[in-house]
Amino acid sequence: MPELSLTFAVPGELEQELEFVWSAYGLQSGVLGFDYTQFEPPMMPESMLPSPAQILESEAVIFAWGEGRQYVMEVFGEAPPAEEGETQAPVESVERHVVITVEVEGQRYFLDFYASGADAEELAALEPLLQQVVESVTLG
């Protein structure tokens, strides 16, 4: 990420799918990803999170290069038509997002490192890889 002076290592067990999205060998639908945006008031770091979703866990995280929060959440698909009797949208994925605020050359950015699995078991298989990516970050 030359524009942010940001580097991170992607574990060898991952295969690039799209720019900043990697799949893990042996997992049917799980992915690791990275996204970022430049802060513009009144944005909050949570603007990086998918929607509609339900946050299951949230805790502060601090790294030498930045601080923020990590979230575990259920991301919902489209709600079924009301006439089918279902009132809740199905869970499409279970995700962990590590959203960090950093300042680069006087500009503030939100960085989102995430793991997304079809269910909690798939997410659990991805979490050690996500941790490796986040711990490898260097800024500046």
N, C-alpha and C. Protein backbone atom coordinates (compact mmCIF):
# COMPACT_ATOMS: atom_id res chain seq x y z
N MET A 1 0.84 -1.18 0.00
CA MET A 1 0.00 0.00 0.00
C MET A 1 0.88 1.24 0.00
N PRO A 2 1.47 1.60 -1.12
CA PRO A 2 2.39 2.73 -1.13
C PRO A 2 1.75 4.05 -0.71
N GLU A 3 0.48 4.30 -1.06
CA GLU A 3 -0.14 5.57 -0.69
C GLU A 3 -0.30 5.73 0.81
N LEU A 4 -0.30 4.63 1.56
CA LEU A 4 -0.40 4.69 3.01
C LEU A 4 0.92 4.37 3.69
N SER A 5 1.95 4.04 2.93
CA SER A 5 3.21 3.56 3.50
C SER A 5 2.95 2.36 4.41
N LEU A 6 2.06 1.48 3.97
CA LEU A 6 1.60 0.33 4.76
C LEU A 6 2.02 -0.95 4.07
N THR A 7 2.58 -1.87 4.84
CA THR A 7 2.86 -3.20 4.32
C THR A 7 2.34 -4.23 5.31
N PHE A 8 1.97 -5.39 4.80
CA PHE A 8 1.61 -6.52 5.65
C PHE A 8 1.86 -7.79 4.87
N ALA A 9 2.09 -8.87 5.61
CA ALA A 9 2.39 -10.16 5.01
C ALA A 9 1.12 -11.01 4.91
N VAL A 10 0.96 -11.64 3.78
CA VAL A 10 -0.18 -12.54 3.57
C VAL A 10 0.34 -13.96 3.72
N PRO A 11 -0.22 -14.74 4.67
CA PRO A 11 0.25 -16.12 4.87
C PRO A 11 0.16 -16.95 3.59
N GLY A 12 1.10 -17.89 3.45
CA GLY A 12 1.17 -18.73 2.27
C GLY A 12 -0.03 -19.63 2.05
N GLU A 13 -0.83 -19.85 3.10
CA GLU A 13 -2.03 -20.69 2.95
C GLU A 13 -3.16 -19.98 2.23
N LEU A 14 -2.93 -18.72 1.86
CA LEU A 14 -3.98 -17.93 1.23
C LEU A 14 -3.70 -17.74 -0.26
N GLU A 15 -4.78 -17.69 -1.03
CA GLU A 15 -4.69 -17.50 -2.47
C GLU A 15 -5.48 -16.24 -2.83
N GLN A 16 -4.85 -15.34 -3.59
CA GLN A 16 -5.52 -14.08 -3.93
C GLN A 16 -6.70 -14.32 -4.84
N GLU A 17 -7.86 -13.77 -4.44
CA GLU A 17 -9.09 -13.86 -5.22
C GLU A 17 -9.31 -12.57 -6.00
N LEU A 18 -9.27 -11.46 -5.28
CA LEU A 18 -9.44 -10.12 -5.82
C LEU A 18 -8.38 -9.24 -5.17
N GLU A 19 -8.31 -7.99 -5.59
CA GLU A 19 -7.38 -7.09 -4.93
C GLU A 19 -7.79 -6.98 -3.47
N PHE A 20 -6.90 -7.31 -2.57
CA PHE A 20 -7.09 -7.25 -1.11
C PHE A 20 -8.11 -8.25 -0.58
N VAL A 21 -8.35 -9.35 -1.30
CA VAL A 21 -9.22 -10.43 -0.81
C VAL A 21 -8.53 -11.75 -1.14
N TRP A 22 -8.38 -12.59 -0.10
CA TRP A 22 -7.70 -13.88 -0.24
C TRP A 22 -8.58 -14.99 0.30
N SER A 23 -8.56 -16.14 -0.38
CA SER A 23 -9.29 -17.31 0.12
C SER A 23 -8.29 -18.27 0.74
N ALA A 24 -8.78 -19.09 1.64
CA ALA A 24 -7.93 -20.06 2.31
C ALA A 24 -8.14 -21.43 1.67
N TYR A 25 -7.05 -22.10 1.37
CA TYR A 25 -7.14 -23.45 0.81
C TYR A 25 -7.92 -24.34 1.77
N GLY A 26 -8.82 -25.13 1.24
CA GLY A 26 -9.57 -26.08 2.06
C GLY A 26 -10.85 -25.52 2.66
N LEU A 27 -11.08 -24.23 2.55
CA LEU A 27 -12.34 -23.66 3.04
C LEU A 27 -13.20 -23.31 1.85
N GLN A 28 -14.47 -23.68 1.95
CA GLN A 28 -15.36 -23.50 0.81
C GLN A 28 -15.64 -22.03 0.51
N SER A 29 -15.91 -21.23 1.53
CA SER A 29 -16.32 -19.85 1.26
C SER A 29 -15.59 -18.80 2.10
N GLY A 30 -14.68 -19.19 2.96
CA GLY A 30 -14.02 -18.23 3.84
C GLY A 30 -13.01 -17.37 3.11
N VAL A 31 -12.94 -16.10 3.49
CA VAL A 31 -11.97 -15.18 2.91
C VAL A 31 -11.37 -14.28 3.98
N LEU A 32 -10.17 -13.79 3.70
CA LEU A 32 -9.55 -12.71 4.45
C LEU A 32 -9.50 -11.52 3.53
N GLY A 33 -9.63 -10.33 4.12
CA GLY A 33 -9.61 -9.15 3.27
C GLY A 33 -9.08 -7.93 3.99
N PHE A 34 -8.88 -6.90 3.21
CA PHE A 34 -8.40 -5.61 3.70
C PHE A 34 -9.12 -4.52 2.93
N ASP A 35 -9.50 -3.48 3.64
CA ASP A 35 -10.13 -2.32 3.02
C ASP A 35 -9.68 -1.09 3.81
N TYR A 36 -9.73 0.05 3.19
CA TYR A 36 -9.40 1.28 3.90
C TYR A 36 -10.15 2.45 3.28
N THR A 37 -10.28 3.50 4.05
CA THR A 37 -10.90 4.72 3.56
C THR A 37 -10.29 5.90 4.29
N GLN A 38 -10.25 7.02 3.61
CA GLN A 38 -9.77 8.25 4.23
C GLN A 38 -10.91 8.84 5.06
N PHE A 39 -10.58 9.26 6.27
CA PHE A 39 -11.54 9.84 7.18
C PHE A 39 -12.06 11.17 6.63
N GLU A 40 -13.38 11.32 6.65
CA GLU A 40 -14.02 12.59 6.35
C GLU A 40 -15.12 12.78 7.39
N PRO A 41 -15.05 13.89 8.16
CA PRO A 41 -16.06 14.12 9.20
C PRO A 41 -17.46 14.08 8.59
N PRO A 42 -18.42 13.53 9.26
CA PRO A 42 -18.44 13.00 10.63
C PRO A 42 -18.26 11.49 10.68
N MET A 43 -17.51 10.90 9.76
CA MET A 43 -17.34 9.44 9.71
C MET A 43 -16.83 8.89 11.03
N MET A 44 -17.25 7.67 11.31
CA MET A 44 -16.78 6.92 12.47
C MET A 44 -16.12 5.65 11.95
N PRO A 45 -15.20 5.05 12.72
CA PRO A 45 -14.56 3.81 12.27
C PRO A 45 -15.56 2.70 11.94
N GLU A 46 -16.69 2.69 12.62
CA GLU A 46 -17.71 1.66 12.38
C GLU A 46 -18.29 1.73 10.98
N SER A 47 -18.05 2.84 10.27
CA SER A 47 -18.55 2.94 8.89
C SER A 47 -17.89 1.91 7.98
N MET A 48 -16.79 1.31 8.43
CA MET A 48 -16.10 0.27 7.66
C MET A 48 -16.82 -1.08 7.74
N LEU A 49 -17.70 -1.24 8.73
CA LEU A 49 -18.34 -2.53 8.96
C LEU A 49 -19.47 -2.78 7.97
N PRO A 50 -19.71 -4.06 7.63
CA PRO A 50 -20.80 -4.38 6.72
C PRO A 50 -22.16 -4.13 7.37
N SER A 51 -23.16 -3.96 6.53
CA SER A 51 -24.51 -3.72 7.00
C SER A 51 -25.46 -4.36 5.99
N PRO A 52 -26.56 -4.94 6.43
CA PRO A 52 -27.04 -5.07 7.80
C PRO A 52 -26.28 -6.18 8.55
N ALA A 53 -26.05 -5.92 9.81
CA ALA A 53 -25.29 -6.87 10.63
C ALA A 53 -25.62 -6.68 12.10
N GLN A 54 -25.24 -7.66 12.88
CA GLN A 54 -25.40 -7.62 14.33
C GLN A 54 -24.05 -7.86 14.96
N ILE A 55 -23.60 -6.93 15.80
CA ILE A 55 -22.32 -7.08 16.49
C ILE A 55 -22.52 -8.01 17.67
N LEU A 56 -21.73 -9.09 17.72
CA LEU A 56 -21.80 -10.06 18.81
C LEU A 56 -20.77 -9.77 19.89
N GLU A 57 -19.59 -9.27 19.48
CA GLU A 57 -18.50 -8.95 20.41
C GLU A 57 -17.80 -7.70 19.90
N SER A 58 -17.26 -6.92 20.83
CA SER A 58 -16.48 -5.75 20.47
C SER A 58 -15.47 -5.50 21.57
N GLU A 59 -14.20 -5.28 21.19
CA GLU A 59 -13.19 -4.98 22.19
C GLU A 59 -12.11 -4.09 21.59
N ALA A 60 -11.49 -3.29 22.44
CA ALA A 60 -10.42 -2.40 22.01
C ALA A 60 -9.17 -3.21 21.67
N VAL A 61 -8.42 -2.72 20.67
CA VAL A 61 -7.14 -3.32 20.30
C VAL A 61 -6.12 -2.20 20.14
N ILE A 62 -4.89 -2.48 20.55
CA ILE A 62 -3.82 -1.50 20.44
C ILE A 62 -2.61 -2.18 19.84
N PHE A 63 -2.07 -1.58 18.80
CA PHE A 63 -0.85 -2.04 18.16
C PHE A 63 0.14 -0.88 18.18
N ALA A 64 1.41 -1.17 17.93
CA ALA A 64 2.42 -0.11 17.89
C ALA A 64 2.11 0.89 16.78
N TRP A 65 1.43 0.47 15.74
CA TRP A 65 1.17 1.30 14.57
C TRP A 65 -0.21 1.95 14.54
N GLY A 66 -1.08 1.61 15.49
CA GLY A 66 -2.42 2.20 15.53
C GLY A 66 -3.30 1.51 16.54
N GLU A 67 -4.45 2.09 16.79
CA GLU A 67 -5.39 1.48 17.73
C GLU A 67 -6.80 1.58 17.18
N GLY A 68 -7.66 0.73 17.73
CA GLY A 68 -9.04 0.70 17.27
C GLY A 68 -9.83 -0.34 18.02
N ARG A 69 -10.71 -1.03 17.29
CA ARG A 69 -11.57 -2.05 17.89
C ARG A 69 -11.64 -3.24 16.96
N GLN A 70 -11.89 -4.41 17.57
CA GLN A 70 -12.21 -5.57 16.75
C GLN A 70 -13.62 -6.00 17.08
N TYR A 71 -14.29 -6.49 16.07
CA TYR A 71 -15.70 -6.85 16.17
C TYR A 71 -15.91 -8.26 15.63
N VAL A 72 -16.77 -9.01 16.28
CA VAL A 72 -17.28 -10.26 15.72
C VAL A 72 -18.74 -9.98 15.44
N MET A 73 -19.17 -10.34 14.23
CA MET A 73 -20.53 -9.99 13.85
C MET A 73 -21.15 -11.01 12.91
N GLU A 74 -22.46 -11.02 12.92
CA GLU A 74 -23.23 -11.78 11.95
C GLU A 74 -23.69 -10.78 10.88
N VAL A 75 -23.44 -11.13 9.63
CA VAL A 75 -23.86 -10.27 8.52
C VAL A 75 -25.08 -10.94 7.89
N PHE A 76 -26.12 -10.15 7.69
CA PHE A 76 -27.39 -10.69 7.20
C PHE A 76 -27.53 -10.52 5.69
N GLY A 77 -28.22 -11.48 5.10
CA GLY A 77 -28.60 -11.40 3.69
C GLY A 77 -29.91 -10.63 3.58
N GLU A 78 -30.56 -10.75 2.45
CA GLU A 78 -31.83 -10.07 2.26
C GLU A 78 -32.93 -10.75 3.06
N ALA A 79 -33.81 -9.93 3.61
CA ALA A 79 -34.95 -10.46 4.37
C ALA A 79 -35.93 -11.12 3.39
N PRO A 80 -36.54 -12.23 3.81
CA PRO A 80 -37.52 -12.89 2.94
C PRO A 80 -38.78 -12.03 2.83
N PRO A 81 -39.56 -12.22 1.78
CA PRO A 81 -40.82 -11.48 1.66
C PRO A 81 -41.72 -11.74 2.87
N ALA A 82 -42.40 -10.72 3.32
CA ALA A 82 -43.23 -10.81 4.53
C ALA A 82 -44.28 -11.91 4.44
N GLU A 83 -44.78 -12.19 3.24
CA GLU A 83 -45.84 -13.19 3.11
C GLU A 83 -45.37 -14.62 3.37
N GLU A 84 -44.06 -14.86 3.43
CA GLU A 84 -43.54 -16.20 3.70
C GLU A 84 -43.50 -16.51 5.19
N GLY A 85 -43.88 -15.57 6.04
CA GLY A 85 -43.94 -15.82 7.47
C GLY A 85 -42.63 -15.60 8.21
N GLU A 86 -41.52 -15.58 7.52
CA GLU A 86 -40.22 -15.32 8.14
C GLU A 86 -40.10 -13.81 8.38
N THR A 87 -39.55 -13.44 9.53
CA THR A 87 -39.40 -12.01 9.81
C THR A 87 -37.95 -11.59 9.90
N GLN A 88 -37.04 -12.54 9.99
CA GLN A 88 -35.63 -12.20 10.14
C GLN A 88 -34.84 -12.63 8.91
N ALA A 89 -33.93 -11.75 8.51
CA ALA A 89 -33.06 -12.08 7.38
C ALA A 89 -32.10 -13.19 7.79
N PRO A 90 -31.71 -14.04 6.86
CA PRO A 90 -30.78 -15.12 7.18
C PRO A 90 -29.36 -14.59 7.41
N VAL A 91 -28.60 -15.29 8.25
CA VAL A 91 -27.20 -14.94 8.46
C VAL A 91 -26.43 -15.41 7.23
N GLU A 92 -25.76 -14.47 6.57
CA GLU A 92 -25.02 -14.75 5.35
C GLU A 92 -23.57 -15.14 5.66
N SER A 93 -23.00 -14.52 6.72
CA SER A 93 -21.63 -14.82 7.10
C SER A 93 -21.40 -14.41 8.55
N VAL A 94 -20.33 -14.97 9.13
CA VAL A 94 -19.87 -14.58 10.46
C VAL A 94 -18.48 -14.01 10.25
N GLU A 95 -18.25 -12.80 10.77
CA GLU A 95 -17.02 -12.09 10.43
C GLU A 95 -16.34 -11.49 11.66
N ARG A 96 -15.02 -11.37 11.56
CA ARG A 96 -14.23 -10.61 12.53
C ARG A 96 -13.58 -9.48 11.77
N HIS A 97 -13.78 -8.26 12.25
CA HIS A 97 -13.18 -7.07 11.65
C HIS A 97 -12.27 -6.42 12.68
N VAL A 98 -11.06 -6.09 12.27
CA VAL A 98 -10.12 -5.34 13.10
C VAL A 98 -9.99 -3.98 12.42
N VAL A 99 -10.64 -2.97 13.01
CA VAL A 99 -10.70 -1.64 12.41
C VAL A 99 -9.77 -0.72 13.20
N ILE A 100 -8.75 -0.22 12.51
CA ILE A 100 -7.71 0.58 13.14
C ILE A 100 -7.71 1.98 12.52
N THR A 101 -7.55 2.99 13.36
CA THR A 101 -7.41 4.36 12.88
C THR A 101 -5.93 4.72 12.89
N VAL A 102 -5.44 5.24 11.76
CA VAL A 102 -4.04 5.64 11.65
C VAL A 102 -3.96 7.03 11.03
N GLU A 103 -2.83 7.69 11.26
CA GLU A 103 -2.59 8.98 10.63
C GLU A 103 -1.35 8.85 9.75
N VAL A 104 -1.50 9.26 8.49
CA VAL A 104 -0.42 9.20 7.51
C VAL A 104 -0.32 10.58 6.85
N GLU A 105 0.84 11.21 7.02
CA GLU A 105 1.10 12.52 6.43
C GLU A 105 -0.04 13.50 6.70
N GLY A 106 -0.47 13.56 7.95
CA GLY A 106 -1.50 14.51 8.36
C GLY A 106 -2.92 14.13 8.01
N GLN A 107 -3.12 12.98 7.38
CA GLN A 107 -4.46 12.50 7.03
C GLN A 107 -4.81 11.29 7.87
N ARG A 108 -6.05 11.21 8.32
CA ARG A 108 -6.51 10.07 9.10
C ARG A 108 -7.20 9.06 8.18
N TYR A 109 -6.90 7.79 8.41
CA TYR A 109 -7.48 6.69 7.64
C TYR A 109 -8.04 5.64 8.59
N PHE A 110 -9.07 4.94 8.12
CA PHE A 110 -9.59 3.77 8.80
C PHE A 110 -9.13 2.56 8.00
N LEU A 111 -8.51 1.60 8.67
CA LEU A 111 -8.06 0.36 8.04
C LEU A 111 -8.92 -0.77 8.57
N ASP A 112 -9.39 -1.64 7.71
CA ASP A 112 -10.23 -2.76 8.11
C ASP A 112 -9.61 -4.05 7.60
N PHE A 113 -9.07 -4.85 8.53
CA PHE A 113 -8.59 -6.19 8.24
C PHE A 113 -9.69 -7.13 8.69
N TYR A 114 -10.12 -8.06 7.84
CA TYR A 114 -11.26 -8.89 8.23
C TYR A 114 -11.13 -10.33 7.76
N ALA A 115 -11.86 -11.18 8.47
CA ALA A 115 -12.02 -12.59 8.10
C ALA A 115 -13.52 -12.84 8.03
N SER A 116 -13.95 -13.55 7.01
CA SER A 116 -15.37 -13.81 6.80
C SER A 116 -15.55 -15.29 6.50
N GLY A 117 -16.41 -15.94 7.28
CA GLY A 117 -16.71 -17.34 7.07
C GLY A 117 -18.21 -17.56 6.95
N ALA A 118 -18.59 -18.69 6.39
CA ALA A 118 -20.01 -19.01 6.25
C ALA A 118 -20.67 -19.22 7.62
N ASP A 119 -19.85 -19.66 8.60
CA ASP A 119 -20.37 -19.90 9.94
C ASP A 119 -19.24 -19.70 10.95
N ALA A 120 -19.55 -19.87 12.23
CA ALA A 120 -18.56 -19.64 13.29
C ALA A 120 -17.37 -20.58 13.17
N GLU A 121 -17.60 -21.81 12.74
CA GLU A 121 -16.51 -22.78 12.59
C GLU A 121 -15.53 -22.34 11.50
N GLU A 122 -16.05 -21.88 10.39
CA GLU A 122 -15.19 -21.42 9.31
C GLU A 122 -14.43 -20.15 9.73
N LEU A 123 -15.10 -19.26 10.45
CA LEU A 123 -14.42 -18.06 10.95
C LEU A 123 -13.29 -18.46 11.89
N ALA A 124 -13.54 -19.41 12.77
CA ALA A 124 -12.50 -19.85 13.72
C ALA A 124 -11.26 -20.37 12.99
N ALA A 125 -11.45 -21.03 11.85
CA ALA A 125 -10.31 -21.53 11.07
C ALA A 125 -9.51 -20.39 10.45
N LEU A 126 -10.15 -19.27 10.18
CA LEU A 126 -9.49 -18.12 9.55
C LEU A 126 -8.84 -17.17 10.55
N GLU A 127 -9.30 -17.17 11.78
CA GLU A 127 -8.83 -16.17 12.75
C GLU A 127 -7.32 -16.20 12.99
N PRO A 128 -6.66 -17.36 13.08
CA PRO A 128 -5.20 -17.32 13.25
C PRO A 128 -4.49 -16.66 12.06
N LEU A 129 -5.02 -16.84 10.85
CA LEU A 129 -4.44 -16.21 9.67
C LEU A 129 -4.64 -14.69 9.71
N LEU A 130 -5.82 -14.27 10.14
CA LEU A 130 -6.08 -12.83 10.29
C LEU A 130 -5.13 -12.23 11.31
N GLN A 131 -4.91 -12.94 12.41
CA GLN A 131 -3.99 -12.45 13.44
C GLN A 131 -2.57 -12.30 12.89
N GLN A 132 -2.14 -13.26 12.07
CA GLN A 132 -0.81 -13.17 11.45
C GLN A 132 -0.70 -11.92 10.57
N VAL A 133 -1.74 -11.65 9.79
CA VAL A 133 -1.72 -10.48 8.92
C VAL A 133 -1.62 -9.19 9.74
N VAL A 134 -2.47 -9.06 10.75
CA VAL A 134 -2.50 -7.83 11.56
C VAL A 134 -1.19 -7.64 12.31
N GLU A 135 -0.62 -8.72 12.80
CA GLU A 135 0.66 -8.60 13.54
C GLU A 135 1.84 -8.29 12.63
N SER A 136 1.68 -8.49 11.32
CA SER A 136 2.78 -8.23 10.39
C SER A 136 2.79 -6.80 9.85
N VAL A 137 1.80 -6.01 10.20
CA VAL A 137 1.66 -4.66 9.63
C VAL A 137 2.82 -3.76 10.06
N THR A 138 3.33 -3.04 9.08
CA THR A 138 4.26 -1.95 9.35
C THR A 138 3.72 -0.71 8.65
N LEU A 139 3.86 0.42 9.29
CA LEU A 139 3.33 1.68 8.77
C LEU A 139 4.46 2.70 8.80
N GLY A 140 4.67 3.31 7.66
CA GLY A 140 5.64 4.40 7.61
C GLY A 140 7.03 4.01 7.22
